[in-house]
C-alpha atoms as a PDB file:
ATOM      1  CA  UNK A   1       0.000   0.000   0.000  1.00  0.00           C
ATOM      2  CA  UNK A   2       2.875   2.406   0.700  1.00  0.00           C
ATOM      3  CA  UNK A   3       4.914   3.619  -2.232  1.00  0.00           C
ATOM      4  CA  UNK A   4       8.664   2.927  -1.985  1.00  0.00           C
ATOM      5  CA  UNK A   5       9.383   6.579  -0.997  1.00  0.00           C
ATOM      6  CA  UNK A   6       6.633   6.470   1.652  1.00  0.00           C
ATOM      7  CA  UNK A   7       7.995   3.188   2.995  1.00  0.00           C
ATOM      8  CA  UNK A   8      11.490   4.718   3.174  1.00  0.00           C
ATOM      9  CA  UNK A   9      10.080   7.728   5.045  1.00  0.00           C
ATOM     10  CA  UNK A  10       8.285   5.453   7.531  1.00  0.00           C
ATOM     11  CA  UNK A  11      11.467   3.454   8.131  1.00  0.00           C
ATOM     12  CA  UNK A  12      13.498   6.640   8.713  1.00  0.00           C
ATOM     13  CA  UNK A  13      11.210   7.896  11.493  1.00  0.00           C
ATOM     14  CA  UNK A  14      11.483   6.447  15.001  1.00  0.00           C
ATOM     15  CA  UNK A  15       8.022   7.025  16.480  1.00  0.00           C
ATOM     16  CA  UNK A  16       4.421   7.273  15.372  1.00  0.00           C
ATOM     17  CA  UNK A  17       1.121   8.150  17.023  1.00  0.00           C
ATOM     18  CA  UNK A  18      -1.593   5.505  17.091  1.00  0.00           C
ATOM     19  CA  UNK A  19      -5.187   6.729  17.161  1.00  0.00           C
ATOM     20  CA  UNK A  20      -7.994   4.369  18.139  1.00  0.00           C
ATOM     21  CA  UNK A  21     -11.569   4.833  19.286  1.00  0.00           C
ATOM     22  CA  UNK A  22     -13.827   2.777  21.500  1.00  0.00           C
ATOM     23  CA  UNK A  23     -17.226   1.440  20.453  1.00  0.00           C
ATOM     24  CA  UNK A  24     -18.822   4.803  21.300  1.00  0.00           C
ATOM     25  CA  UNK A  25     -16.295   6.662  19.148  1.00  0.00           C
ATOM     26  CA  UNK A  26     -14.301   8.207  22.013  1.00  0.00           C
ATOM     27  CA  UNK A  27     -10.789   8.796  20.622  1.00  0.00           C
ATOM     28  CA  UNK A  28      -7.490   7.810  22.193  1.00  0.00           C
ATOM     29  CA  UNK A  29      -3.974   8.501  20.861  1.00  0.00           C
ATOM     30  CA  UNK A  30      -0.570   7.328  22.081  1.00  0.00           C
ATOM     31  CA  UNK A  31       2.992   7.494  20.791  1.00  0.00           C
ATOM     32  CA  UNK A  32       4.205   4.096  19.572  1.00  0.00           C
ATOM     33  CA  UNK A  33       7.197   2.260  18.180  1.00  0.00           C
ATOM     34  CA  UNK A  34       6.494   0.283  15.036  1.00  0.00           C
ATOM     35  CA  UNK A  35       7.899  -1.909  12.308  1.00  0.00           C
ATOM     36  CA  UNK A  36       6.621  -2.124   8.740  1.00  0.00           C
ATOM     37  CA  UNK A  37       6.740  -5.726   7.507  1.00  0.00           C
ATOM     38  CA  UNK A  38       5.129  -7.237   4.409  1.00  0.00           C
ATOM     39  CA  UNK A  39       2.652  -4.398   3.986  1.00  0.00           C
ATOM     40  CA  UNK A  40       1.500  -4.035   7.599  1.00  0.00           C
ATOM     41  CA  UNK A  41       2.548  -2.021  10.646  1.00  0.00           C
ATOM     42  CA  UNK A  42       3.285  -3.897  13.876  1.00  0.00           C
ATOM     43  CA  UNK A  43       3.086  -2.102  17.206  1.00  0.00           C
ATOM     44  CA  UNK A  44       4.460  -3.951  20.232  1.00  0.00           C
ATOM     45  CA  UNK A  45       2.920  -4.070  23.671  1.00  0.00           C
ATOM     46  CA  UNK A  46       6.298  -4.045  25.327  1.00  0.00           C
ATOM     47  CA  UNK A  47       7.678  -4.238  28.862  1.00  0.00           C
ATOM     48  CA  UNK A  48       8.126  -0.524  29.476  1.00  0.00           C
ATOM     49  CA  UNK A  49       6.449   0.444  32.749  1.00  0.00           C
ATOM     50  CA  UNK A  50       2.698   0.535  32.380  1.00  0.00           C
ATOM     51  CA  UNK A  51      -0.031   1.266  34.882  1.00  0.00           C
ATOM     52  CA  UNK A  52      -2.097  -1.730  33.772  1.00  0.00           C
ATOM     53  CA  UNK A  53      -1.698  -5.185  32.240  1.00  0.00           C
ATOM     54  CA  UNK A  54      -1.237  -5.012  28.439  1.00  0.00           C
ATOM     55  CA  UNK A  55      -4.606  -6.559  27.540  1.00  0.00           C
ATOM     56  CA  UNK A  56      -6.342  -3.866  29.598  1.00  0.00           C
ATOM     57  CA  UNK A  57      -4.583  -0.967  27.882  1.00  0.00           C
ATOM     58  CA  UNK A  58      -7.031   1.493  26.334  1.00  0.00           C
ATOM     59  CA  UNK A  59      -5.572   1.033  22.833  1.00  0.00           C
ATOM     60  CA  UNK A  60      -5.977  -2.757  23.075  1.00  0.00           C
ATOM     61  CA  UNK A  61      -9.545  -2.531  24.350  1.00  0.00           C
ATOM     62  CA  UNK A  62     -10.347  -0.012  21.616  1.00  0.00           C
ATOM     63  CA  UNK A  63      -8.932  -2.233  18.862  1.00  0.00           C
ATOM     64  CA  UNK A  64     -11.016  -5.146  20.145  1.00  0.00           C
ATOM     65  CA  UNK A  65     -14.168  -2.982  20.250  1.00  0.00           C
ATOM     66  CA  UNK A  66     -13.580  -0.968  17.086  1.00  0.00           C
ATOM     67  CA  UNK A  67     -10.867  -2.007  14.606  1.00  0.00           C
ATOM     68  CA  UNK A  68     -10.797   1.351  12.775  1.00  0.00           C
ATOM     69  CA  UNK A  69      -7.423   2.948  13.540  1.00  0.00           C
ATOM     70  CA  UNK A  70      -4.915   5.448  12.245  1.00  0.00           C
ATOM     71  CA  UNK A  71      -1.168   5.832  12.554  1.00  0.00           C
ATOM     72  CA  UNK A  72       0.530   9.196  12.039  1.00  0.00           C
ATOM     73  CA  UNK A  73       4.246   9.091  11.283  1.00  0.00           C
ATOM     74  CA  UNK A  74       5.680  12.582  11.099  1.00  0.00           C
ATOM     75  CA  UNK A  75       8.884  14.553  10.843  1.00  0.00           C
ATOM     76  CA  UNK A  76       9.278  17.884  12.574  1.00  0.00           C
ATOM     77  CA  UNK A  77      12.005  20.298  11.554  1.00  0.00           C
ATOM     78  CA  UNK A  78      12.663  23.950  12.321  1.00  0.00           C
ATOM     79  CA  UNK A  79      13.048  24.307   8.561  1.00  0.00           C
ATOM     80  CA  UNK A  80       9.376  24.054   7.710  1.00  0.00           C
ATOM     81  CA  UNK A  81      10.024  23.014   4.123  1.00  0.00           C
ATOM     82  CA  UNK A  82      11.092  19.634   5.623  1.00  0.00           C
ATOM     83  CA  UNK A  83       7.856  19.075   7.585  1.00  0.00           C
ATOM     84  CA  UNK A  84       6.149  15.849   6.533  1.00  0.00           C
ATOM     85  CA  UNK A  85       3.780  13.133   7.647  1.00  0.00           C
ATOM     86  CA  UNK A  86       2.108   9.925   6.615  1.00  0.00           C
ATOM     87  CA  UNK A  87      -1.410   9.250   7.799  1.00  0.00           C
ATOM     88  CA  UNK A  88      -2.105   5.528   7.585  1.00  0.00           C
ATOM     89  CA  UNK A  89      -5.692   4.364   8.095  1.00  0.00           C
ATOM     90  CA  UNK A  90      -7.036   0.844   8.213  1.00  0.00           C
ATOM     91  CA  UNK A  91      -8.193  -1.979  10.430  1.00  0.00           C
ATOM     92  CA  UNK A  92      -6.191  -2.886  13.492  1.00  0.00           C
ATOM     93  CA  UNK A  93      -6.171  -6.291  15.148  1.00  0.00           C
ATOM     94  CA  UNK A  94      -4.600  -7.882  18.177  1.00  0.00           C
ATOM     95  CA  UNK A  95      -2.009 -10.401  17.016  1.00  0.00           C
ATOM     96  CA  UNK A  96      -1.419 -13.192  19.503  1.00  0.00           C
ATOM     97  CA  UNK A  97       2.080 -14.579  20.081  1.00  0.00           C
ATOM     98  CA  UNK A  98       3.190 -17.910  18.711  1.00  0.00           C
ATOM     99  CA  UNK A  99       2.627 -17.656  14.973  1.00  0.00           C
ATOM    100  CA  UNK A 100       4.994 -17.015  12.074  1.00  0.00           C
ATOM    101  CA  UNK A 101       3.626 -13.502  11.459  1.00  0.00           C
ATOM    102  CA  UNK A 102       4.175 -12.551  15.102  1.00  0.00           C
ATOM    103  CA  UNK A 103       7.723 -13.982  15.021  1.00  0.00           C
ATOM    104  CA  UNK A 104       8.594 -11.991  11.851  1.00  0.00           C
ATOM    105  CA  UNK A 105       7.291  -8.822  13.482  1.00  0.00           C
ATOM    106  CA  UNK A 106       9.317  -9.461  16.667  1.00  0.00           C
ATOM    107  CA  UNK A 107      12.468  -9.921  14.574  1.00  0.00           C
ATOM    108  CA  UNK A 108      11.814  -6.666  12.680  1.00  0.00           C
ATOM    109  CA  UNK A 109      11.111  -4.742  15.883  1.00  0.00           C
ATOM    110  CA  UNK A 110      14.341  -6.007  17.479  1.00  0.00           C
ATOM    111  CA  UNK A 111      16.334  -5.010  14.392  1.00  0.00           C
ATOM    112  CA  UNK A 112      14.775  -1.554  14.400  1.00  0.00           C
ATOM    113  CA  UNK A 113      14.956  -0.885  18.157  1.00  0.00           C
ATOM    114  CA  UNK A 114      17.930  -2.421  20.023  1.00  0.00           C
ATOM    115  CA  UNK A 115      16.065  -1.864  23.322  1.00  0.00           C
ATOM    116  CA  UNK A 116      13.664  -4.654  22.344  1.00  0.00           C
ATOM    117  CA  UNK A 117      16.426  -7.251  22.244  1.00  0.00           C
ATOM    118  CA  UNK A 118      16.251  -7.491  26.040  1.00  0.00           C
ATOM    119  CA  UNK A 119      12.438  -7.666  26.168  1.00  0.00           C
ATOM    120  CA  UNK A 120      10.269 -10.776  25.817  1.00  0.00           C
ATOM    121  CA  UNK A 121       8.218  -9.477  22.872  1.00  0.00           C
ATOM    122  CA  UNK A 122       7.615 -13.045  21.715  1.00  0.00           C
ATOM    123  CA  UNK A 123       5.387 -13.633  24.764  1.00  0.00           C
ATOM    124  CA  UNK A 124       3.152 -10.590  24.345  1.00  0.00           C
ATOM    125  CA  UNK A 125       0.438  -9.791  21.825  1.00  0.00           C
ATOM    126  CA  UNK A 126       0.952  -6.862  19.479  1.00  0.00           C
ATOM    127  CA  UNK A 127      -1.218  -4.666  17.332  1.00  0.00           C
ATOM    128  CA  UNK A 128      -1.212  -5.094  13.551  1.00  0.00           C
ATOM    129  CA  UNK A 129      -2.450  -2.170  11.447  1.00  0.00           C
ATOM    130  CA  UNK A 130      -3.207  -3.031   7.830  1.00  0.00           C
ATOM    131  CA  UNK A 131      -3.091   0.068   5.628  1.00  0.00           C
ATOM    132  CA  UNK A 132      -6.180   0.690   3.529  1.00  0.00           C
ATOM    133  CA  UNK A 133      -5.601   4.372   2.899  1.00  0.00           C
ATOM    134  CA  UNK A 134      -2.371   6.376   3.077  1.00  0.00           C
ATOM    135  CA  UNK A 135      -2.132  10.136   2.890  1.00  0.00           C
ATOM    136  CA  UNK A 136       1.281  11.750   2.475  1.00  0.00           C
ATOM    137  CA  UNK A 137       1.815  15.425   3.183  1.00  0.00           C
ATOM    138  CA  UNK A 138       4.769  17.766   2.897  1.00  0.00           C
ATOM    139  CA  UNK A 139       8.253  16.585   2.070  1.00  0.00           C
ATOM    140  CA  UNK A 140       7.280  12.927   1.581  1.00  0.00           C
ATOM    141  CA  UNK A 141       7.846  11.893  -2.028  1.00  0.00           C
ATOM    142  CA  UNK A 142       5.278   9.873  -3.956  1.00  0.00           C
END
């Protein structure tokens, strides 16, 4: 779904913002790490300190209630001609550990973020966002 220049832009950025909504449409947005693998974005539910167990996180509950989600990947720069973002919209799903897809995503996340090499990502579910619509703005080619 992403063009090669959009994919390159997404890989160059380090953080995105995931937007979800519950069944009543109440929005929720959080900064996230991600990996783009085989046409989908994978967002880990990692071991960083959290107030609640991962399956009770608002973003997880929202995805289970309402799969419509969006991921914003942006670049800020004091030189405003370099401002850019991708807005990726599509269905999100909770991906349980144990399968080949989950294992590929864990490998990609560990390659992208060295901090994940010491975390047990293979034991935790993660969120998969499948792009259905991508909007590029600013200094993002193609």
